[in-house]
Amino acid sequence: MQIISMIAAAGENNALGKDNDLLWHLPDDFKYFKKRTSGHTIIMGRKTFESFPKPLPNRVHIVITRDPDYQIPYADCIVVHSLEEALDLVKDDSLAFIIGGGEIYRLGLKHANQLELTRVHERFEADTFFPNFDEKDWMLIKEEFHPKDERHDYDFTYLTYIRKL
């Protein structure tokens, strides 16, 4: 069975970011994201892609944009013009990740069968949000709390959900 996993870090109010930037710095969450997505295809919107200094190593990037002339000069980056087109490209992959931003998560929610949500235990002012999802449609299969410390300004919890059949 193919897994389409949406992976995100969101505040208690589902805040993801503001002005195309993250709202927090959580080094262990960055490591978790790298470990989970390395070697896999990551699907994202153009603004999310442009928020990276360069493509992330050891991952194929599928970038969704409405701009028919948009081009990316990197070998591991593919430009598409819809989420359906992106999902078609990964149909033979056992695991692919949707990594944002807000609109791509909203569109991707109906296609995802796994959510890997880092819940940051604080409310944030934001302009981009993770979509609300009905927890009765999902089963929480993993939960791991991470307290704030000298490297992390906020408590957070790794939550993994799978869609109920």
N, C-alpha and C. Protein backbone atom coordinates (compact mmCIF):
# COMPACT_ATOMS: atom_id res chain seq x y z
N MET A 1 0.84 -1.19 0.00
CA MET A 1 0.00 0.00 0.00
C MET A 1 0.88 1.25 0.00
N GLN A 2 0.54 2.19 -0.83
CA GLN A 2 1.30 3.44 -0.89
C GLN A 2 0.92 4.34 0.29
N ILE A 3 1.93 4.99 0.85
CA ILE A 3 1.69 5.98 1.90
C ILE A 3 1.94 7.36 1.33
N ILE A 4 0.92 8.21 1.41
CA ILE A 4 1.06 9.64 1.14
C ILE A 4 0.99 10.31 2.50
N SER A 5 2.12 10.80 2.96
CA SER A 5 2.22 11.37 4.30
C SER A 5 2.34 12.89 4.21
N MET A 6 1.49 13.57 4.96
CA MET A 6 1.66 15.02 5.11
C MET A 6 2.49 15.22 6.37
N ILE A 7 3.61 15.90 6.22
CA ILE A 7 4.51 16.13 7.35
C ILE A 7 4.60 17.63 7.59
N ALA A 8 4.36 18.04 8.85
CA ALA A 8 4.32 19.46 9.16
C ALA A 8 4.59 19.68 10.64
N ALA A 9 4.98 20.90 10.97
CA ALA A 9 5.04 21.36 12.36
C ALA A 9 4.06 22.51 12.45
N ALA A 10 3.15 22.42 13.42
CA ALA A 10 2.10 23.44 13.54
C ALA A 10 1.87 23.77 15.01
N GLY A 11 1.56 25.03 15.26
CA GLY A 11 1.24 25.45 16.62
C GLY A 11 -0.12 24.92 17.06
N GLU A 12 -0.47 25.20 18.30
CA GLU A 12 -1.75 24.76 18.85
C GLU A 12 -2.93 25.29 18.04
N ASN A 13 -2.76 26.45 17.41
CA ASN A 13 -3.80 27.04 16.57
C ASN A 13 -3.59 26.70 15.08
N ASN A 14 -2.80 25.65 14.81
CA ASN A 14 -2.48 25.19 13.45
C ASN A 14 -1.60 26.15 12.67
N ALA A 15 -0.99 27.14 13.34
CA ALA A 15 -0.09 28.07 12.68
C ALA A 15 1.11 27.32 12.11
N LEU A 16 1.43 27.66 10.85
CA LEU A 16 2.60 27.08 10.18
C LEU A 16 3.71 28.10 9.97
N GLY A 17 3.34 29.30 9.55
CA GLY A 17 4.36 30.28 9.22
C GLY A 17 3.78 31.65 9.01
N LYS A 18 4.68 32.59 8.81
CA LYS A 18 4.30 33.97 8.53
C LYS A 18 5.35 34.57 7.61
N ASP A 19 4.89 35.29 6.59
CA ASP A 19 5.79 35.92 5.61
C ASP A 19 6.75 34.91 5.00
N ASN A 20 6.24 33.72 4.69
CA ASN A 20 7.00 32.63 4.06
C ASN A 20 8.20 32.18 4.89
N ASP A 21 8.04 32.23 6.21
CA ASP A 21 9.10 31.77 7.11
C ASP A 21 8.47 31.01 8.27
N LEU A 22 9.28 30.16 8.90
CA LEU A 22 8.81 29.43 10.07
C LEU A 22 8.71 30.35 11.28
N LEU A 23 7.93 29.95 12.26
CA LEU A 23 7.68 30.77 13.44
C LEU A 23 8.55 30.38 14.62
N TRP A 24 9.34 29.32 14.47
CA TRP A 24 10.15 28.79 15.57
C TRP A 24 11.40 28.13 14.99
N HIS A 25 12.33 27.84 15.86
CA HIS A 25 13.53 27.10 15.48
C HIS A 25 13.62 25.89 16.40
N LEU A 26 13.36 24.71 15.85
CA LEU A 26 13.38 23.47 16.63
C LEU A 26 14.35 22.50 15.97
N PRO A 27 15.63 22.52 16.37
CA PRO A 27 16.63 21.69 15.70
C PRO A 27 16.28 20.20 15.66
N ASP A 28 15.71 19.67 16.73
CA ASP A 28 15.38 18.24 16.71
C ASP A 28 14.26 17.94 15.72
N ASP A 29 13.35 18.88 15.52
CA ASP A 29 12.30 18.67 14.52
C ASP A 29 12.88 18.72 13.12
N PHE A 30 13.87 19.60 12.88
CA PHE A 30 14.55 19.61 11.58
C PHE A 30 15.21 18.26 11.32
N LYS A 31 15.86 17.70 12.35
CA LYS A 31 16.50 16.38 12.20
C LYS A 31 15.46 15.30 11.90
N TYR A 32 14.33 15.36 12.59
CA TYR A 32 13.25 14.39 12.38
C TYR A 32 12.75 14.48 10.93
N PHE A 33 12.52 15.70 10.45
CA PHE A 33 12.06 15.92 9.08
C PHE A 33 13.08 15.35 8.08
N LYS A 34 14.35 15.63 8.31
CA LYS A 34 15.39 15.14 7.41
C LYS A 34 15.43 13.61 7.40
N LYS A 35 15.38 13.01 8.59
CA LYS A 35 15.43 11.55 8.69
C LYS A 35 14.22 10.91 7.99
N ARG A 36 13.03 11.49 8.18
CA ARG A 36 11.81 10.92 7.61
C ARG A 36 11.77 11.08 6.09
N THR A 37 12.19 12.21 5.57
CA THR A 37 12.00 12.50 4.14
C THR A 37 13.19 12.13 3.27
N SER A 38 14.36 11.93 3.85
CA SER A 38 15.55 11.59 3.05
C SER A 38 15.31 10.34 2.23
N GLY A 39 15.68 10.40 0.97
CA GLY A 39 15.53 9.26 0.08
C GLY A 39 14.14 9.15 -0.54
N HIS A 40 13.27 10.11 -0.26
CA HIS A 40 11.90 10.07 -0.77
C HIS A 40 11.58 11.32 -1.58
N THR A 41 10.45 11.29 -2.24
CA THR A 41 9.97 12.45 -2.98
C THR A 41 9.18 13.34 -2.04
N ILE A 42 9.42 14.65 -2.15
CA ILE A 42 8.68 15.63 -1.36
C ILE A 42 7.91 16.54 -2.32
N ILE A 43 6.64 16.74 -2.01
CA ILE A 43 5.73 17.54 -2.83
C ILE A 43 5.44 18.83 -2.08
N MET A 44 5.58 19.96 -2.79
CA MET A 44 5.39 21.25 -2.12
C MET A 44 4.91 22.30 -3.12
N GLY A 45 4.41 23.39 -2.58
CA GLY A 45 4.09 24.56 -3.39
C GLY A 45 5.33 25.37 -3.70
N ARG A 46 5.20 26.25 -4.65
CA ARG A 46 6.33 27.09 -5.09
C ARG A 46 6.89 27.93 -3.95
N LYS A 47 6.03 28.55 -3.14
CA LYS A 47 6.53 29.41 -2.07
C LYS A 47 7.32 28.62 -1.04
N THR A 48 6.87 27.41 -0.74
CA THR A 48 7.63 26.55 0.18
C THR A 48 8.99 26.25 -0.41
N PHE A 49 9.03 25.87 -1.69
CA PHE A 49 10.30 25.59 -2.34
C PHE A 49 11.22 26.81 -2.28
N GLU A 50 10.68 27.98 -2.56
CA GLU A 50 11.50 29.20 -2.59
C GLU A 50 11.95 29.64 -1.21
N SER A 51 11.37 29.06 -0.16
CA SER A 51 11.82 29.40 1.20
C SER A 51 13.11 28.65 1.57
N PHE A 52 13.50 27.65 0.77
CA PHE A 52 14.75 26.92 0.99
C PHE A 52 15.90 27.68 0.33
N PRO A 53 17.08 27.70 0.97
CA PRO A 53 18.23 28.32 0.30
C PRO A 53 18.63 27.57 -0.98
N LYS A 54 18.44 26.25 -0.97
CA LYS A 54 18.71 25.41 -2.15
C LYS A 54 17.92 24.13 -1.95
N PRO A 55 17.79 23.29 -2.97
CA PRO A 55 17.04 22.04 -2.78
C PRO A 55 17.63 21.20 -1.66
N LEU A 56 16.76 20.49 -0.98
CA LEU A 56 17.20 19.64 0.13
C LEU A 56 17.89 18.41 -0.43
N PRO A 57 19.03 18.02 0.13
CA PRO A 57 19.78 16.88 -0.42
C PRO A 57 19.04 15.55 -0.28
N ASN A 58 19.33 14.65 -1.20
CA ASN A 58 18.85 13.27 -1.16
C ASN A 58 17.32 13.17 -1.20
N ARG A 59 16.67 14.08 -1.92
CA ARG A 59 15.22 14.05 -2.09
C ARG A 59 14.87 14.58 -3.47
N VAL A 60 13.87 13.99 -4.09
CA VAL A 60 13.31 14.54 -5.32
C VAL A 60 12.25 15.54 -4.89
N HIS A 61 12.30 16.74 -5.49
CA HIS A 61 11.35 17.80 -5.17
C HIS A 61 10.34 17.92 -6.30
N ILE A 62 9.07 17.83 -5.97
CA ILE A 62 8.02 18.14 -6.94
C ILE A 62 7.40 19.45 -6.48
N VAL A 63 7.48 20.46 -7.34
CA VAL A 63 7.04 21.81 -6.98
C VAL A 63 5.80 22.15 -7.80
N ILE A 64 4.74 22.51 -7.09
CA ILE A 64 3.47 22.84 -7.74
C ILE A 64 3.36 24.36 -7.87
N THR A 65 3.06 24.80 -9.09
CA THR A 65 2.87 26.23 -9.34
C THR A 65 1.81 26.41 -10.42
N ARG A 66 1.14 27.55 -10.36
CA ARG A 66 0.18 27.90 -11.42
C ARG A 66 0.90 28.56 -12.61
N ASP A 67 2.14 28.99 -12.42
CA ASP A 67 2.90 29.71 -13.45
C ASP A 67 3.38 28.73 -14.53
N PRO A 68 2.85 28.83 -15.75
CA PRO A 68 3.24 27.88 -16.80
C PRO A 68 4.69 28.03 -17.25
N ASP A 69 5.33 29.15 -16.92
CA ASP A 69 6.71 29.40 -17.35
C ASP A 69 7.73 29.15 -16.24
N TYR A 70 7.27 28.73 -15.07
CA TYR A 70 8.17 28.54 -13.92
C TYR A 70 9.15 27.41 -14.20
N GLN A 71 10.43 27.68 -13.95
CA GLN A 71 11.47 26.67 -14.16
C GLN A 71 12.41 26.65 -12.96
N ILE A 72 12.98 25.48 -12.71
CA ILE A 72 13.94 25.32 -11.62
C ILE A 72 15.20 24.69 -12.22
N PRO A 73 16.35 25.31 -12.03
CA PRO A 73 17.58 24.81 -12.67
C PRO A 73 18.31 23.71 -11.89
N TYR A 74 17.58 22.82 -11.24
CA TYR A 74 18.21 21.73 -10.49
C TYR A 74 17.67 20.40 -10.99
N ALA A 75 18.54 19.40 -11.03
CA ALA A 75 18.17 18.09 -11.59
C ALA A 75 17.08 17.38 -10.78
N ASP A 76 17.13 17.47 -9.45
CA ASP A 76 16.17 16.73 -8.62
C ASP A 76 14.89 17.51 -8.35
N CYS A 77 14.55 18.45 -9.24
CA CYS A 77 13.35 19.27 -9.05
C CYS A 77 12.47 19.17 -10.29
N ILE A 78 11.20 18.87 -10.07
CA ILE A 78 10.23 18.72 -11.15
C ILE A 78 9.12 19.74 -10.92
N VAL A 79 8.76 20.48 -11.94
CA VAL A 79 7.68 21.46 -11.84
C VAL A 79 6.41 20.85 -12.42
N VAL A 80 5.32 20.96 -11.65
CA VAL A 80 4.00 20.52 -12.11
C VAL A 80 3.01 21.64 -11.82
N HIS A 81 1.78 21.46 -12.32
CA HIS A 81 0.81 22.54 -12.21
C HIS A 81 -0.45 22.15 -11.45
N SER A 82 -0.43 20.97 -10.80
CA SER A 82 -1.55 20.58 -9.93
C SER A 82 -1.07 19.50 -8.97
N LEU A 83 -1.79 19.38 -7.87
CA LEU A 83 -1.47 18.32 -6.91
C LEU A 83 -1.71 16.95 -7.55
N GLU A 84 -2.75 16.83 -8.34
CA GLU A 84 -3.04 15.56 -9.00
C GLU A 84 -1.89 15.14 -9.91
N GLU A 85 -1.31 16.10 -10.61
CA GLU A 85 -0.15 15.81 -11.47
C GLU A 85 1.04 15.34 -10.62
N ALA A 86 1.24 15.97 -9.47
CA ALA A 86 2.32 15.57 -8.56
C ALA A 86 2.07 14.15 -8.04
N LEU A 87 0.86 13.87 -7.63
CA LEU A 87 0.54 12.55 -7.09
C LEU A 87 0.68 11.46 -8.15
N ASP A 88 0.38 11.81 -9.39
CA ASP A 88 0.54 10.85 -10.48
C ASP A 88 2.02 10.47 -10.66
N LEU A 89 2.91 11.42 -10.43
CA LEU A 89 4.35 11.16 -10.57
C LEU A 89 4.88 10.22 -9.48
N VAL A 90 4.20 10.16 -8.34
CA VAL A 90 4.68 9.32 -7.23
C VAL A 90 3.83 8.06 -7.05
N LYS A 91 2.97 7.76 -8.01
CA LYS A 91 2.01 6.64 -7.84
C LYS A 91 2.69 5.30 -7.64
N ASP A 92 3.94 5.15 -8.10
CA ASP A 92 4.66 3.89 -7.91
C ASP A 92 5.60 3.91 -6.70
N ASP A 93 5.66 5.04 -5.99
CA ASP A 93 6.50 5.14 -4.78
C ASP A 93 5.75 4.53 -3.60
N SER A 94 6.47 3.84 -2.73
CA SER A 94 5.81 3.28 -1.54
C SER A 94 5.51 4.37 -0.51
N LEU A 95 6.30 5.46 -0.53
CA LEU A 95 6.14 6.56 0.42
C LEU A 95 6.52 7.86 -0.26
N ALA A 96 5.65 8.85 -0.15
CA ALA A 96 5.93 10.20 -0.62
C ALA A 96 5.38 11.17 0.41
N PHE A 97 5.96 12.36 0.47
CA PHE A 97 5.59 13.35 1.48
C PHE A 97 5.05 14.62 0.85
N ILE A 98 3.99 15.13 1.42
CA ILE A 98 3.50 16.48 1.12
C ILE A 98 4.02 17.36 2.24
N ILE A 99 4.79 18.40 1.87
CA ILE A 99 5.48 19.18 2.91
C ILE A 99 5.02 20.64 2.99
N GLY A 100 3.95 21.00 2.27
CA GLY A 100 3.42 22.36 2.41
C GLY A 100 3.45 23.15 1.13
N GLY A 101 3.03 24.36 1.23
CA GLY A 101 2.53 25.09 2.38
C GLY A 101 1.04 24.87 2.63
N GLY A 102 0.44 25.91 3.21
CA GLY A 102 -0.92 25.80 3.69
C GLY A 102 -1.92 25.33 2.65
N GLU A 103 -1.90 25.91 1.46
CA GLU A 103 -2.87 25.52 0.43
C GLU A 103 -2.61 24.10 -0.05
N ILE A 104 -1.35 23.71 -0.18
CA ILE A 104 -1.02 22.35 -0.63
C ILE A 104 -1.45 21.34 0.44
N TYR A 105 -1.28 21.67 1.73
CA TYR A 105 -1.78 20.79 2.78
C TYR A 105 -3.31 20.66 2.68
N ARG A 106 -3.98 21.80 2.47
CA ARG A 106 -5.45 21.77 2.40
C ARG A 106 -5.90 20.87 1.25
N LEU A 107 -5.27 21.02 0.08
CA LEU A 107 -5.61 20.19 -1.07
C LEU A 107 -5.21 18.73 -0.85
N GLY A 108 -4.10 18.53 -0.15
CA GLY A 108 -3.56 17.19 0.04
C GLY A 108 -4.28 16.36 1.09
N LEU A 109 -5.02 17.00 1.98
CA LEU A 109 -5.62 16.27 3.09
C LEU A 109 -6.50 15.12 2.62
N LYS A 110 -7.25 15.30 1.55
CA LYS A 110 -8.14 14.22 1.09
C LYS A 110 -7.36 13.07 0.45
N HIS A 111 -6.12 13.32 0.04
CA HIS A 111 -5.30 12.29 -0.60
C HIS A 111 -4.39 11.56 0.39
N ALA A 112 -4.10 12.21 1.51
CA ALA A 112 -3.15 11.65 2.48
C ALA A 112 -3.77 10.49 3.25
N ASN A 113 -2.93 9.51 3.57
CA ASN A 113 -3.38 8.44 4.46
C ASN A 113 -2.51 8.39 5.73
N GLN A 114 -1.60 9.37 5.85
CA GLN A 114 -0.80 9.49 7.07
C GLN A 114 -0.53 10.96 7.32
N LEU A 115 -0.55 11.34 8.60
CA LEU A 115 -0.18 12.69 9.02
C LEU A 115 0.95 12.56 10.02
N GLU A 116 2.03 13.27 9.78
CA GLU A 116 3.13 13.33 10.74
C GLU A 116 3.22 14.78 11.18
N LEU A 117 2.59 15.04 12.32
CA LEU A 117 2.41 16.40 12.79
C LEU A 117 3.25 16.63 14.03
N THR A 118 4.14 17.61 13.96
CA THR A 118 4.84 18.06 15.15
C THR A 118 3.99 19.19 15.71
N ARG A 119 3.37 18.93 16.85
CA ARG A 119 2.49 19.94 17.46
C ARG A 119 3.34 20.78 18.40
N VAL A 120 3.53 22.05 18.05
CA VAL A 120 4.30 22.98 18.87
C VAL A 120 3.33 23.57 19.90
N HIS A 121 3.63 23.40 21.17
CA HIS A 121 2.68 23.73 22.23
C HIS A 121 2.70 25.22 22.59
N GLU A 122 2.18 26.01 21.65
CA GLU A 122 2.07 27.46 21.79
C GLU A 122 1.15 27.93 20.67
N ARG A 123 0.51 29.06 20.86
CA ARG A 123 -0.30 29.67 19.81
C ARG A 123 0.53 30.79 19.18
N PHE A 124 0.45 30.92 17.86
CA PHE A 124 1.29 31.87 17.14
C PHE A 124 0.45 32.74 16.21
N GLU A 125 0.93 33.96 16.00
CA GLU A 125 0.37 34.81 14.96
C GLU A 125 0.96 34.33 13.64
N ALA A 126 0.10 34.06 12.66
CA ALA A 126 0.58 33.47 11.41
C ALA A 126 -0.30 33.91 10.25
N ASP A 127 0.20 33.67 9.04
CA ASP A 127 -0.62 33.90 7.85
C ASP A 127 -0.83 32.61 7.06
N THR A 128 -0.23 31.52 7.53
CA THR A 128 -0.37 30.21 6.89
C THR A 128 -0.67 29.18 7.97
N PHE A 129 -1.65 28.32 7.68
CA PHE A 129 -2.13 27.38 8.69
C PHE A 129 -2.25 25.97 8.12
N PHE A 130 -2.03 24.99 8.99
CA PHE A 130 -2.33 23.60 8.66
C PHE A 130 -3.84 23.43 8.68
N PRO A 131 -4.41 22.63 7.78
CA PRO A 131 -5.87 22.52 7.75
C PRO A 131 -6.41 21.77 8.98
N ASN A 132 -7.60 22.15 9.39
CA ASN A 132 -8.28 21.38 10.42
C ASN A 132 -8.61 20.01 9.83
N PHE A 133 -8.48 18.99 10.65
CA PHE A 133 -8.86 17.65 10.21
C PHE A 133 -9.69 17.00 11.31
N ASP A 134 -10.60 16.15 10.90
CA ASP A 134 -11.51 15.50 11.84
C ASP A 134 -10.81 14.29 12.44
N GLU A 135 -10.46 14.38 13.72
CA GLU A 135 -9.69 13.31 14.36
C GLU A 135 -10.43 11.99 14.40
N LYS A 136 -11.74 11.99 14.23
CA LYS A 136 -12.46 10.71 14.22
C LYS A 136 -12.16 9.91 12.94
N ASP A 137 -11.62 10.58 11.92
CA ASP A 137 -11.23 9.89 10.68
C ASP A 137 -9.81 9.35 10.73
N TRP A 138 -9.11 9.63 11.82
CA TRP A 138 -7.69 9.31 11.93
C TRP A 138 -7.43 8.55 13.23
N MET A 139 -6.44 7.67 13.21
CA MET A 139 -6.03 6.95 14.41
C MET A 139 -4.61 7.40 14.79
N LEU A 140 -4.46 7.87 16.02
CA LEU A 140 -3.15 8.26 16.52
C LEU A 140 -2.37 6.99 16.83
N ILE A 141 -1.24 6.78 16.14
CA ILE A 141 -0.47 5.56 16.35
C ILE A 141 0.87 5.80 17.04
N LYS A 142 1.28 7.07 17.13
CA LYS A 142 2.55 7.37 17.79
C LYS A 142 2.47 8.76 18.37
N GLU A 143 3.00 8.91 19.58
CA GLU A 143 3.01 10.20 20.25
C GLU A 143 4.29 10.27 21.08
N GLU A 144 5.10 11.30 20.84
CA GLU A 144 6.36 11.43 21.58
C GLU A 144 6.57 12.89 21.96
N PHE A 145 6.53 13.16 23.25
CA PHE A 145 6.67 14.52 23.78
C PHE A 145 8.14 14.92 23.85
N HIS A 146 8.42 16.17 23.51
CA HIS A 146 9.77 16.73 23.58
C HIS A 146 9.68 18.04 24.38
N PRO A 147 10.25 18.08 25.58
CA PRO A 147 10.16 19.31 26.38
C PRO A 147 11.09 20.40 25.84
N LYS A 148 10.72 21.64 26.14
CA LYS A 148 11.63 22.72 25.77
C LYS A 148 12.92 22.58 26.55
N ASP A 149 14.01 23.07 25.96
CA ASP A 149 15.31 22.98 26.60
C ASP A 149 16.17 24.13 26.08
N GLU A 150 17.47 24.06 26.30
CA GLU A 150 18.33 25.18 25.91
C GLU A 150 18.38 25.39 24.39
N ARG A 151 18.01 24.39 23.60
CA ARG A 151 18.02 24.51 22.13
C ARG A 151 16.62 24.68 21.53
N HIS A 152 15.59 24.49 22.35
CA HIS A 152 14.21 24.52 21.86
C HIS A 152 13.38 25.42 22.77
N ASP A 153 12.83 26.50 22.20
CA ASP A 153 12.09 27.47 23.01
C ASP A 153 10.68 27.01 23.38
N TYR A 154 10.21 25.92 22.76
CA TYR A 154 8.84 25.46 23.01
C TYR A 154 8.82 23.95 23.23
N ASP A 155 7.87 23.51 24.06
CA ASP A 155 7.55 22.09 24.13
C ASP A 155 6.90 21.70 22.80
N PHE A 156 7.11 20.46 22.36
CA PHE A 156 6.40 19.98 21.18
C PHE A 156 6.24 18.48 21.28
N THR A 157 5.30 17.96 20.49
CA THR A 157 5.00 16.54 20.48
C THR A 157 4.94 16.04 19.05
N TYR A 158 5.67 14.96 18.77
CA TYR A 158 5.55 14.30 17.48
C TYR A 158 4.29 13.43 17.51
N LEU A 159 3.39 13.64 16.57
CA LEU A 159 2.15 12.88 16.48
C LEU A 159 2.09 12.22 15.11
N THR A 160 1.83 10.93 15.07
CA THR A 160 1.65 10.24 13.79
C THR A 160 0.25 9.64 13.77
N TYR A 161 -0.50 10.01 12.75
CA TYR A 161 -1.86 9.52 12.56
C TYR A 161 -1.92 8.73 11.26
N ILE A 162 -2.77 7.71 11.23
CA ILE A 162 -3.09 7.05 9.97
C ILE A 162 -4.60 7.14 9.76
N ARG A 163 -4.97 7.25 8.50
CA ARG A 163 -6.39 7.37 8.17
C ARG A 163 -7.09 6.05 8.47
N LYS A 164 -8.22 6.15 9.14
CA LYS A 164 -9.03 4.97 9.40
C LYS A 164 -9.64 4.52 8.08
N LEU A 165 -9.75 3.23 7.88
CA LEU A 165 -10.32 2.71 6.63
C LEU A 165 -11.83 2.71 6.67
